[in-house]
Amino acid sequence: MAGAARLTRLKRRAQFLQVAGKGRKLGRGTLLVQVLEGGGDDATGNARLGFTATKKLGNAVTRNRAKRRMREAARLELGAAPAPGHDIVLVAREAIREAAFGDIRADLVRALDKLGVKREGP
């Protein structure tokens, strides 16, 4: 994976709030996808990603597992073909607790396609 771009992370609350307030949203079974065009990492132009799970989802173990699964789905879908100039936030929904990993990945792909996020790559 020599040519793969490293995806930048959203870390500050203000960044998450900006995506939630100004961006487009689409819910699928296991997750909610929020996208803000014109964001992204200024230095590289790559997409920036954020992951969140509310306390309504469960205890810390459950929330962390959900975020790990979302991170892996995003890595597989966006790692080799990042969506330049986008800030993307994935929010875990209750259905993610029992969902198969393939379902999470499929929900992410469908949401990104429906929101019109163009991914580069092969």
N, C-alpha and C. Protein backbone atom coordinates (compact mmCIF):
# COMPACT_ATOMS: atom_id res chain seq x y z
N MET A 1 0.83 -1.19 0.00
CA MET A 1 0.00 0.00 0.00
C MET A 1 0.87 1.25 0.00
N ALA A 2 1.81 1.30 -0.87
CA ALA A 2 2.76 2.40 -0.89
C ALA A 2 2.11 3.71 -1.31
N GLY A 3 1.15 3.68 -2.25
CA GLY A 3 0.58 4.91 -2.76
C GLY A 3 -0.68 5.35 -2.05
N ALA A 4 -1.11 4.63 -1.03
CA ALA A 4 -2.37 4.97 -0.37
C ALA A 4 -2.22 6.24 0.45
N ALA A 5 -3.22 7.09 0.34
CA ALA A 5 -3.21 8.34 1.09
C ALA A 5 -3.68 8.09 2.51
N ARG A 6 -3.11 8.82 3.43
CA ARG A 6 -3.52 8.70 4.83
C ARG A 6 -4.71 9.62 5.04
N LEU A 7 -5.77 9.07 5.62
CA LEU A 7 -6.97 9.85 5.87
C LEU A 7 -6.79 10.65 7.15
N THR A 8 -7.10 11.92 7.09
CA THR A 8 -6.99 12.81 8.23
C THR A 8 -8.24 12.69 9.08
N ARG A 9 -8.11 12.86 10.39
CA ARG A 9 -9.23 12.71 11.30
C ARG A 9 -9.76 14.06 11.77
N LEU A 10 -11.05 14.14 11.96
CA LEU A 10 -11.66 15.27 12.65
C LEU A 10 -11.54 14.96 14.13
N LYS A 11 -11.08 15.92 14.93
CA LYS A 11 -10.87 15.64 16.34
C LYS A 11 -11.57 16.63 17.26
N ARG A 12 -11.77 17.85 16.82
CA ARG A 12 -12.35 18.88 17.69
C ARG A 12 -13.87 18.94 17.54
N ARG A 13 -14.52 19.23 18.64
CA ARG A 13 -15.98 19.30 18.66
C ARG A 13 -16.50 20.31 17.64
N ALA A 14 -15.82 21.42 17.49
CA ALA A 14 -16.25 22.46 16.55
C ALA A 14 -16.27 21.92 15.11
N GLN A 15 -15.34 21.04 14.78
CA GLN A 15 -15.32 20.46 13.44
C GLN A 15 -16.53 19.56 13.22
N PHE A 16 -16.88 18.76 14.22
CA PHE A 16 -18.05 17.90 14.13
C PHE A 16 -19.32 18.73 14.01
N LEU A 17 -19.41 19.81 14.80
CA LEU A 17 -20.59 20.66 14.77
C LEU A 17 -20.73 21.37 13.43
N GLN A 18 -19.62 21.76 12.83
CA GLN A 18 -19.67 22.41 11.53
C GLN A 18 -20.22 21.45 10.46
N VAL A 19 -19.77 20.22 10.48
CA VAL A 19 -20.27 19.24 9.52
C VAL A 19 -21.76 18.97 9.76
N ALA A 20 -22.15 18.84 11.02
CA ALA A 20 -23.55 18.58 11.34
C ALA A 20 -24.45 19.76 10.98
N GLY A 21 -23.94 20.97 11.16
CA GLY A 21 -24.76 22.14 10.91
C GLY A 21 -24.86 22.55 9.46
N LYS A 22 -23.76 22.45 8.72
CA LYS A 22 -23.73 22.95 7.34
C LYS A 22 -23.77 21.84 6.29
N GLY A 23 -23.52 20.61 6.71
CA GLY A 23 -23.41 19.52 5.75
C GLY A 23 -24.73 18.84 5.45
N ARG A 24 -24.65 17.88 4.54
CA ARG A 24 -25.82 17.05 4.20
C ARG A 24 -25.76 15.77 5.02
N LYS A 25 -26.94 15.21 5.31
CA LYS A 25 -27.01 14.02 6.15
C LYS A 25 -27.85 12.95 5.47
N LEU A 26 -27.48 11.70 5.72
CA LEU A 26 -28.28 10.59 5.22
C LEU A 26 -28.12 9.43 6.19
N GLY A 27 -29.25 8.93 6.67
CA GLY A 27 -29.24 7.79 7.58
C GLY A 27 -29.47 6.50 6.83
N ARG A 28 -28.72 5.51 7.15
CA ARG A 28 -28.91 4.15 6.68
C ARG A 28 -29.08 3.30 7.92
N GLY A 29 -29.35 2.01 7.75
CA GLY A 29 -29.67 1.15 8.87
C GLY A 29 -28.72 1.20 10.04
N THR A 30 -27.42 1.12 9.77
CA THR A 30 -26.45 1.01 10.86
C THR A 30 -25.76 2.31 11.21
N LEU A 31 -25.83 3.29 10.31
CA LEU A 31 -25.11 4.53 10.59
C LEU A 31 -25.75 5.72 9.91
N LEU A 32 -25.38 6.89 10.42
CA LEU A 32 -25.78 8.16 9.84
C LEU A 32 -24.50 8.77 9.26
N VAL A 33 -24.58 9.22 8.00
CA VAL A 33 -23.42 9.81 7.34
C VAL A 33 -23.69 11.29 7.14
N GLN A 34 -22.76 12.12 7.61
CA GLN A 34 -22.84 13.57 7.44
C GLN A 34 -21.66 13.98 6.58
N VAL A 35 -21.93 14.79 5.53
CA VAL A 35 -20.88 15.18 4.59
C VAL A 35 -20.92 16.68 4.39
N LEU A 36 -19.75 17.30 4.46
CA LEU A 36 -19.62 18.72 4.18
C LEU A 36 -18.60 18.88 3.06
N GLU A 37 -19.08 19.37 1.91
CA GLU A 37 -18.17 19.63 0.78
C GLU A 37 -17.39 20.90 1.05
N GLY A 38 -16.21 20.97 0.46
CA GLY A 38 -15.39 22.16 0.64
C GLY A 38 -14.55 22.10 1.91
N GLY A 39 -14.64 21.01 2.62
CA GLY A 39 -13.81 20.82 3.80
C GLY A 39 -12.54 20.11 3.40
N GLY A 40 -12.17 19.16 4.14
CA GLY A 40 -10.98 18.38 3.81
C GLY A 40 -9.73 19.01 4.39
N ASP A 41 -8.66 18.26 4.28
CA ASP A 41 -7.37 18.69 4.79
C ASP A 41 -6.76 19.68 3.81
N ASP A 42 -6.46 20.89 4.28
CA ASP A 42 -5.92 21.93 3.40
C ASP A 42 -4.56 21.55 2.83
N ALA A 43 -3.74 20.88 3.60
CA ALA A 43 -2.38 20.56 3.16
C ALA A 43 -2.39 19.51 2.04
N THR A 44 -3.20 18.47 2.17
CA THR A 44 -3.18 17.38 1.20
C THR A 44 -4.40 17.38 0.29
N GLY A 45 -5.47 18.03 0.70
CA GLY A 45 -6.70 18.02 -0.09
C GLY A 45 -7.53 16.77 0.12
N ASN A 46 -7.05 15.84 0.96
CA ASN A 46 -7.78 14.61 1.22
C ASN A 46 -8.98 14.84 2.13
N ALA A 47 -9.84 13.87 2.17
CA ALA A 47 -11.00 13.93 3.04
C ALA A 47 -10.56 13.84 4.50
N ARG A 48 -11.36 14.45 5.38
CA ARG A 48 -11.16 14.29 6.82
C ARG A 48 -12.36 13.51 7.33
N LEU A 49 -12.10 12.56 8.23
CA LEU A 49 -13.15 11.69 8.75
C LEU A 49 -13.29 11.85 10.26
N GLY A 50 -14.53 11.72 10.72
CA GLY A 50 -14.81 11.71 12.15
C GLY A 50 -15.78 10.58 12.46
N PHE A 51 -15.67 10.03 13.65
CA PHE A 51 -16.50 8.90 14.05
C PHE A 51 -17.06 9.19 15.43
N THR A 52 -18.35 8.92 15.61
CA THR A 52 -18.94 9.17 16.92
C THR A 52 -20.03 8.15 17.23
N ALA A 53 -20.22 7.92 18.52
CA ALA A 53 -21.27 7.03 19.01
C ALA A 53 -21.77 7.62 20.32
N THR A 54 -23.07 7.83 20.41
CA THR A 54 -23.63 8.46 21.61
C THR A 54 -23.80 7.45 22.73
N LYS A 55 -24.00 7.94 23.93
CA LYS A 55 -24.18 7.07 25.09
C LYS A 55 -25.46 6.26 25.00
N LYS A 56 -26.40 6.69 24.16
CA LYS A 56 -27.63 5.92 23.97
C LYS A 56 -27.33 4.56 23.36
N LEU A 57 -26.19 4.43 22.69
CA LEU A 57 -25.81 3.18 22.03
C LEU A 57 -25.45 2.10 23.05
N GLY A 58 -24.88 2.50 24.18
CA GLY A 58 -24.51 1.52 25.19
C GLY A 58 -23.31 2.00 25.98
N ASN A 59 -22.67 1.05 26.67
CA ASN A 59 -21.52 1.40 27.50
C ASN A 59 -20.29 1.67 26.63
N ALA A 60 -19.17 2.00 27.27
CA ALA A 60 -17.96 2.39 26.55
C ALA A 60 -17.45 1.27 25.64
N VAL A 61 -17.56 0.04 26.09
CA VAL A 61 -17.10 -1.08 25.28
C VAL A 61 -17.91 -1.16 23.98
N THR A 62 -19.22 -1.02 24.08
CA THR A 62 -20.10 -1.07 22.92
C THR A 62 -19.84 0.09 21.98
N ARG A 63 -19.67 1.28 22.53
CA ARG A 63 -19.42 2.46 21.69
C ARG A 63 -18.08 2.35 20.98
N ASN A 64 -17.05 1.92 21.70
CA ASN A 64 -15.72 1.78 21.09
C ASN A 64 -15.72 0.72 19.99
N ARG A 65 -16.42 -0.37 20.21
CA ARG A 65 -16.51 -1.42 19.18
C ARG A 65 -17.19 -0.88 17.93
N ALA A 66 -18.26 -0.12 18.12
CA ALA A 66 -18.97 0.47 16.97
C ALA A 66 -18.05 1.41 16.20
N LYS A 67 -17.28 2.22 16.91
CA LYS A 67 -16.37 3.15 16.23
C LYS A 67 -15.25 2.41 15.51
N ARG A 68 -14.74 1.34 16.10
CA ARG A 68 -13.71 0.55 15.42
C ARG A 68 -14.23 -0.04 14.12
N ARG A 69 -15.46 -0.54 14.16
CA ARG A 69 -16.06 -1.14 12.96
C ARG A 69 -16.31 -0.08 11.89
N MET A 70 -16.74 1.12 12.29
CA MET A 70 -16.94 2.20 11.32
C MET A 70 -15.61 2.64 10.72
N ARG A 71 -14.57 2.74 11.55
CA ARG A 71 -13.24 3.13 11.06
C ARG A 71 -12.73 2.14 10.02
N GLU A 72 -12.92 0.85 10.28
CA GLU A 72 -12.45 -0.16 9.33
C GLU A 72 -13.24 -0.10 8.03
N ALA A 73 -14.54 0.09 8.11
CA ALA A 73 -15.36 0.22 6.89
C ALA A 73 -14.91 1.44 6.09
N ALA A 74 -14.65 2.54 6.77
CA ALA A 74 -14.20 3.76 6.09
C ALA A 74 -12.81 3.56 5.49
N ARG A 75 -11.94 2.85 6.19
CA ARG A 75 -10.61 2.59 5.66
C ARG A 75 -10.68 1.78 4.39
N LEU A 76 -11.55 0.76 4.38
CA LEU A 76 -11.67 -0.08 3.20
C LEU A 76 -12.30 0.67 2.03
N GLU A 77 -13.27 1.54 2.30
CA GLU A 77 -13.96 2.24 1.22
C GLU A 77 -13.27 3.51 0.78
N LEU A 78 -12.60 4.19 1.68
CA LEU A 78 -12.00 5.48 1.35
C LEU A 78 -10.48 5.49 1.40
N GLY A 79 -9.89 4.46 1.96
CA GLY A 79 -8.44 4.45 2.14
C GLY A 79 -7.66 4.56 0.85
N ALA A 80 -8.01 3.77 -0.14
CA ALA A 80 -7.28 3.79 -1.41
C ALA A 80 -7.83 4.86 -2.35
N ALA A 81 -9.05 5.33 -2.09
CA ALA A 81 -9.70 6.30 -2.98
C ALA A 81 -10.38 7.38 -2.15
N PRO A 82 -9.61 8.24 -1.48
CA PRO A 82 -10.24 9.25 -0.63
C PRO A 82 -11.07 10.23 -1.42
N ALA A 83 -12.10 10.76 -0.79
CA ALA A 83 -12.99 11.74 -1.41
C ALA A 83 -12.40 13.12 -1.15
N PRO A 84 -11.70 13.69 -2.12
CA PRO A 84 -11.01 14.96 -1.87
C PRO A 84 -11.98 16.09 -1.57
N GLY A 85 -11.56 16.94 -0.63
CA GLY A 85 -12.33 18.14 -0.32
C GLY A 85 -13.61 17.90 0.46
N HIS A 86 -13.69 16.82 1.21
CA HIS A 86 -14.89 16.52 1.99
C HIS A 86 -14.52 16.30 3.46
N ASP A 87 -15.41 16.74 4.34
CA ASP A 87 -15.40 16.33 5.74
C ASP A 87 -16.54 15.34 5.89
N ILE A 88 -16.25 14.17 6.44
CA ILE A 88 -17.26 13.12 6.57
C ILE A 88 -17.29 12.67 8.03
N VAL A 89 -18.51 12.65 8.60
CA VAL A 89 -18.69 12.16 9.97
C VAL A 89 -19.62 10.96 9.92
N LEU A 90 -19.22 9.87 10.56
CA LEU A 90 -20.05 8.68 10.67
C LEU A 90 -20.54 8.57 12.10
N VAL A 91 -21.86 8.47 12.25
CA VAL A 91 -22.47 8.36 13.57
C VAL A 91 -23.11 6.98 13.68
N ALA A 92 -22.74 6.23 14.71
CA ALA A 92 -23.27 4.89 14.90
C ALA A 92 -24.74 4.96 15.32
N ARG A 93 -25.54 4.09 14.73
CA ARG A 93 -26.94 3.95 15.13
C ARG A 93 -27.11 2.63 15.89
N GLU A 94 -28.22 2.48 16.54
CA GLU A 94 -28.44 1.32 17.40
C GLU A 94 -28.28 -0.01 16.67
N ALA A 95 -28.67 -0.06 15.41
CA ALA A 95 -28.61 -1.30 14.64
C ALA A 95 -27.19 -1.81 14.44
N ILE A 96 -26.19 -0.96 14.65
CA ILE A 96 -24.80 -1.37 14.42
C ILE A 96 -24.35 -2.42 15.44
N ARG A 97 -25.01 -2.49 16.58
CA ARG A 97 -24.57 -3.42 17.62
C ARG A 97 -24.63 -4.87 17.17
N GLU A 98 -25.68 -5.26 16.46
CA GLU A 98 -25.82 -6.65 16.02
C GLU A 98 -25.56 -6.84 14.54
N ALA A 99 -25.23 -5.79 13.83
CA ALA A 99 -25.08 -5.88 12.38
C ALA A 99 -23.79 -6.59 11.98
N ALA A 100 -23.86 -7.29 10.88
CA ALA A 100 -22.67 -7.90 10.30
C ALA A 100 -21.81 -6.80 9.69
N PHE A 101 -20.51 -7.03 9.64
CA PHE A 101 -19.61 -6.01 9.11
C PHE A 101 -19.95 -5.66 7.66
N GLY A 102 -20.34 -6.64 6.88
CA GLY A 102 -20.72 -6.40 5.49
C GLY A 102 -21.88 -5.43 5.37
N ASP A 103 -22.81 -5.49 6.32
CA ASP A 103 -23.95 -4.56 6.32
C ASP A 103 -23.50 -3.13 6.60
N ILE A 104 -22.56 -2.98 7.52
CA ILE A 104 -22.04 -1.64 7.84
C ILE A 104 -21.35 -1.06 6.62
N ARG A 105 -20.52 -1.86 5.99
CA ARG A 105 -19.80 -1.39 4.81
C ARG A 105 -20.76 -1.05 3.67
N ALA A 106 -21.77 -1.88 3.46
CA ALA A 106 -22.76 -1.62 2.40
C ALA A 106 -23.55 -0.35 2.69
N ASP A 107 -23.92 -0.13 3.95
CA ASP A 107 -24.64 1.09 4.32
C ASP A 107 -23.79 2.32 4.05
N LEU A 108 -22.49 2.23 4.34
CA LEU A 108 -21.59 3.35 4.09
C LEU A 108 -21.49 3.65 2.60
N VAL A 109 -21.32 2.63 1.79
CA VAL A 109 -21.21 2.81 0.34
C VAL A 109 -22.48 3.43 -0.23
N ARG A 110 -23.63 2.89 0.17
CA ARG A 110 -24.91 3.43 -0.34
C ARG A 110 -25.11 4.87 0.08
N ALA A 111 -24.77 5.19 1.31
CA ALA A 111 -24.94 6.57 1.78
C ALA A 111 -24.01 7.53 1.04
N LEU A 112 -22.75 7.15 0.86
CA LEU A 112 -21.81 8.01 0.14
C LEU A 112 -22.26 8.22 -1.30
N ASP A 113 -22.73 7.16 -1.94
CA ASP A 113 -23.21 7.28 -3.32
C ASP A 113 -24.44 8.19 -3.40
N LYS A 114 -25.36 8.00 -2.48
CA LYS A 114 -26.60 8.80 -2.47
C LYS A 114 -26.29 10.27 -2.20
N LEU A 115 -25.29 10.55 -1.36
CA LEU A 115 -24.91 11.92 -1.05
C LEU A 115 -24.02 12.53 -2.14
N GLY A 116 -23.66 11.73 -3.13
CA GLY A 116 -22.88 12.24 -4.25
C GLY A 116 -21.41 12.44 -3.96
N VAL A 117 -20.87 11.69 -3.01
CA VAL A 117 -19.44 11.79 -2.68
C VAL A 117 -18.67 10.98 -3.71
N LYS A 118 -17.91 11.69 -4.51
CA LYS A 118 -17.11 11.03 -5.55
C LYS A 118 -15.80 10.57 -4.95
N ARG A 119 -15.51 9.29 -5.15
CA ARG A 119 -14.27 8.74 -4.63
C ARG A 119 -13.33 8.50 -5.81
N GLU A 120 -12.07 8.85 -5.61
CA GLU A 120 -11.07 8.62 -6.66
C GLU A 120 -10.62 7.19 -6.60
N GLY A 121 -9.88 6.78 -7.58
CA GLY A 121 -9.28 5.47 -7.49
C GLY A 121 -9.47 4.66 -8.73
N PRO A 122 -9.14 3.36 -8.61
CA PRO A 122 -9.13 2.46 -9.76
C PRO A 122 -10.50 2.18 -10.32
